[in-house]
Amino acid sequence: MKSSERTLSIHLTLEEGNLLLEALAEQPFKTVFELIGKLNQKANECFTGGEDHNQRQKFFFTENEMALTIKALGEIPYNRVHSLLANLNKQIQVQLNDQDTSKAATAHADL
């Protein structure tokens, strides 16, 4: 991971996570194996107990990992992924807007 690369905190249900893994599994192995392993490990930590599988759990993605994930989801039929893509877009936009606001406040304070 590049030091300047941002990390995104994405909340997913077990079903959404499984859909992400299904999409990633269709990609060339050498480009996704680390991300699949990372997601599997986190899912096992979050969903192995008696947790509600419909409750969203926090997963962390680098910008590159999220771009790869969205690309993979784009190759799955739209009717299966449209709500997940809309949810991801909303979460990403909130975080990017928060980061931009934080940067602007820091720049203003430096003046």
C-alpha atoms as a PDB file:
ATOM      1  CA  MET A   1       0.000   0.000   0.000  1.00  0.00           C
ATOM      2  CA  LYS A   2       1.298   3.420  -0.906  1.00  0.00           C
ATOM      3  CA  SER A   3       1.692   5.734   2.077  1.00  0.00           C
ATOM      4  CA  SER A   4      -0.487   8.380   0.384  1.00  0.00           C
ATOM      5  CA  GLU A   5      -3.261   5.903  -0.392  1.00  0.00           C
ATOM      6  CA  ARG A   6      -6.409   6.469   1.639  1.00  0.00           C
ATOM      7  CA  THR A   7      -8.210   3.747   3.531  1.00  0.00           C
ATOM      8  CA  LEU A   8     -11.985   3.529   3.358  1.00  0.00           C
ATOM      9  CA  SER A   9     -14.148   2.078   6.111  1.00  0.00           C
ATOM     10  CA  ILE A  10     -17.007   0.166   4.490  1.00  0.00           C
ATOM     11  CA  HIS A  11     -19.889  -1.430   6.373  1.00  0.00           C
ATOM     12  CA  LEU A  12     -21.205  -4.682   4.872  1.00  0.00           C
ATOM     13  CA  THR A  13     -23.673  -7.406   5.765  1.00  0.00           C
ATOM     14  CA  LEU A  14     -22.659 -11.030   5.357  1.00  0.00           C
ATOM     15  CA  GLU A  15     -24.730 -11.266   2.167  1.00  0.00           C
ATOM     16  CA  GLU A  16     -23.047  -8.182   0.699  1.00  0.00           C
ATOM     17  CA  GLY A  17     -19.633  -9.535   1.629  1.00  0.00           C
ATOM     18  CA  ASN A  18     -20.426 -12.832  -0.045  1.00  0.00           C
ATOM     19  CA  LEU A  19     -21.470 -10.992  -3.202  1.00  0.00           C
ATOM     20  CA  LEU A  20     -18.166  -9.079  -3.167  1.00  0.00           C
ATOM     21  CA  LEU A  21     -16.248 -12.332  -2.807  1.00  0.00           C
ATOM     22  CA  GLU A  22     -18.242 -13.925  -5.618  1.00  0.00           C
ATOM     23  CA  ALA A  23     -17.404 -11.018  -7.913  1.00  0.00           C
ATOM     24  CA  LEU A  24     -13.728 -11.018  -6.928  1.00  0.00           C
ATOM     25  CA  ALA A  25     -13.490 -14.781  -7.479  1.00  0.00           C
ATOM     26  CA  GLU A  26     -14.234 -14.188 -11.169  1.00  0.00           C
ATOM     27  CA  GLN A  27     -11.165 -11.947 -11.528  1.00  0.00           C
ATOM     28  CA  PRO A  28      -7.611 -13.116 -12.311  1.00  0.00           C
ATOM     29  CA  PHE A  29      -6.337 -14.840  -9.175  1.00  0.00           C
ATOM     30  CA  LYS A  30      -3.034 -12.987  -8.980  1.00  0.00           C
ATOM     31  CA  THR A  31      -4.839  -9.628  -8.799  1.00  0.00           C
ATOM     32  CA  VAL A  32      -7.362 -10.554  -6.094  1.00  0.00           C
ATOM     33  CA  PHE A  33      -5.974 -13.335  -3.895  1.00  0.00           C
ATOM     34  CA  GLU A  34      -4.662 -10.979  -1.181  1.00  0.00           C
ATOM     35  CA  LEU A  35      -7.921  -9.026  -1.042  1.00  0.00           C
ATOM     36  CA  ILE A  36     -10.019 -12.215  -0.942  1.00  0.00           C
ATOM     37  CA  GLY A  37      -7.879 -13.522   1.916  1.00  0.00           C
ATOM     38  CA  LYS A  38      -8.183 -10.258   3.806  1.00  0.00           C
ATOM     39  CA  LEU A  39     -11.974 -10.148   3.373  1.00  0.00           C
ATOM     40  CA  ASN A  40     -12.372 -13.814   4.362  1.00  0.00           C
ATOM     41  CA  GLN A  41     -10.328 -13.298   7.512  1.00  0.00           C
ATOM     42  CA  LYS A  42     -12.330 -10.233   8.545  1.00  0.00           C
ATOM     43  CA  ALA A  43     -15.656 -11.952   7.753  1.00  0.00           C
ATOM     44  CA  ASN A  44     -14.647 -14.922   9.905  1.00  0.00           C
ATOM     45  CA  GLU A  45     -13.872 -12.535  12.769  1.00  0.00           C
ATOM     46  CA  CYS A  46     -17.152 -10.648  12.363  1.00  0.00           C
ATOM     47  CA  PHE A  47     -19.683 -13.308  11.499  1.00  0.00           C
ATOM     48  CA  THR A  48     -18.594 -16.584  13.136  1.00  0.00           C
ATOM     49  CA  GLY A  49     -20.393 -16.074  16.432  1.00  0.00           C
ATOM     50  CA  GLY A  50     -24.033 -15.420  17.033  1.00  0.00           C
ATOM     51  CA  GLU A  51     -23.917 -12.037  15.314  1.00  0.00           C
ATOM     52  CA  ASP A  52     -26.867 -10.995  13.201  1.00  0.00           C
ATOM     53  CA  HIS A  53     -25.768 -11.625   9.622  1.00  0.00           C
ATOM     54  CA  ASN A  54     -27.915  -8.694   8.490  1.00  0.00           C
ATOM     55  CA  GLN A  55     -26.051  -6.299  10.769  1.00  0.00           C
ATOM     56  CA  ARG A  56     -23.353  -4.359   8.956  1.00  0.00           C
ATOM     57  CA  GLN A  57     -19.773  -4.919  10.014  1.00  0.00           C
ATOM     58  CA  LYS A  58     -16.812  -2.653   9.308  1.00  0.00           C
ATOM     59  CA  PHE A  59     -14.298  -3.658   6.634  1.00  0.00           C
ATOM     60  CA  PHE A  60     -11.297  -1.612   5.538  1.00  0.00           C
ATOM     61  CA  PHE A  61     -10.327  -1.165   1.887  1.00  0.00           C
ATOM     62  CA  THR A  62      -7.524   0.820   0.330  1.00  0.00           C
ATOM     63  CA  GLU A  63      -8.565   2.956  -2.616  1.00  0.00           C
ATOM     64  CA  ASN A  64      -6.963   0.417  -4.984  1.00  0.00           C
ATOM     65  CA  GLU A  65      -8.789  -2.477  -3.327  1.00  0.00           C
ATOM     66  CA  MET A  66     -12.094  -0.620  -3.600  1.00  0.00           C
ATOM     67  CA  ALA A  67     -11.468   0.179  -7.263  1.00  0.00           C
ATOM     68  CA  LEU A  68     -10.751  -3.502  -7.925  1.00  0.00           C
ATOM     69  CA  THR A  69     -13.892  -4.499  -6.006  1.00  0.00           C
ATOM     70  CA  ILE A  70     -16.119  -2.067  -7.896  1.00  0.00           C
ATOM     71  CA  LYS A  71     -14.645  -3.219 -11.207  1.00  0.00           C
ATOM     72  CA  ALA A  72     -15.390  -6.831 -10.274  1.00  0.00           C
ATOM     73  CA  LEU A  73     -18.954  -5.968  -9.219  1.00  0.00           C
ATOM     74  CA  GLY A  74     -19.417  -4.252 -12.577  1.00  0.00           C
ATOM     75  CA  GLU A  75     -19.063  -7.621 -14.269  1.00  0.00           C
ATOM     76  CA  ILE A  76     -21.925  -9.188 -12.265  1.00  0.00           C
ATOM     77  CA  PRO A  77     -25.496  -8.738 -13.570  1.00  0.00           C
ATOM     78  CA  TYR A  78     -26.775  -5.313 -12.538  1.00  0.00           C
ATOM     79  CA  ASN A  79     -29.949  -6.628 -10.912  1.00  0.00           C
ATOM     80  CA  ARG A  80     -27.770  -8.516  -8.389  1.00  0.00           C
ATOM     81  CA  VAL A  81     -25.428  -5.662  -7.462  1.00  0.00           C
ATOM     82  CA  HIS A  82     -27.239  -2.361  -7.973  1.00  0.00           C
ATOM     83  CA  SER A  83     -28.233  -1.855  -4.326  1.00  0.00           C
ATOM     84  CA  LEU A  84     -24.760  -2.832  -3.086  1.00  0.00           C
ATOM     85  CA  LEU A  85     -23.099  -0.455  -5.560  1.00  0.00           C
ATOM     86  CA  ALA A  86     -25.417   2.376  -4.464  1.00  0.00           C
ATOM     87  CA  ASN A  87     -24.602   1.656  -0.818  1.00  0.00           C
ATOM     88  CA  LEU A  88     -20.848   1.572  -1.499  1.00  0.00           C
ATOM     89  CA  ASN A  89     -21.061   4.822  -3.438  1.00  0.00           C
ATOM     90  CA  LYS A  90     -22.898   6.532  -0.582  1.00  0.00           C
ATOM     91  CA  GLN A  91     -20.373   5.332   2.022  1.00  0.00           C
ATOM     92  CA  ILE A  92     -17.404   6.353  -0.122  1.00  0.00           C
ATOM     93  CA  GLN A  93     -18.813   9.807  -0.884  1.00  0.00           C
ATOM     94  CA  VAL A  94     -19.459  10.511   2.808  1.00  0.00           C
ATOM     95  CA  GLN A  95     -15.884   9.591   3.692  1.00  0.00           C
ATOM     96  CA  LEU A  96     -14.317  11.545   0.841  1.00  0.00           C
ATOM     97  CA  ASN A  97     -16.419  14.600   1.693  1.00  0.00           C
ATOM     98  CA  ASP A  98     -15.405  14.295   5.363  1.00  0.00           C
ATOM     99  CA  GLN A  99     -11.733  14.062   4.375  1.00  0.00           C
ATOM    100  CA  ASP A 100     -12.015  17.084   2.076  1.00  0.00           C
ATOM    101  CA  THR A 101     -13.721  19.082   4.848  1.00  0.00           C
ATOM    102  CA  SER A 102     -11.009  18.073   7.284  1.00  0.00           C
ATOM    103  CA  LYS A 103      -8.257  19.087   4.839  1.00  0.00           C
ATOM    104  CA  ALA A 104      -9.929  22.449   4.211  1.00  0.00           C
ATOM    105  CA  ALA A 105     -10.210  23.106   7.944  1.00  0.00           C
ATOM    106  CA  THR A 106      -6.543  22.227   8.442  1.00  0.00           C
ATOM    107  CA  ALA A 107      -5.476  24.476   5.574  1.00  0.00           C
ATOM    108  CA  HIS A 108      -7.582  27.328   6.941  1.00  0.00           C
ATOM    109  CA  ALA A 109      -6.069  26.873  10.431  1.00  0.00           C
ATOM    110  CA  ASP A 110      -2.568  27.048   8.937  1.00  0.00           C
ATOM    111  CA  LEU A 111      -3.280  30.516   7.540  1.00  0.00           C
END
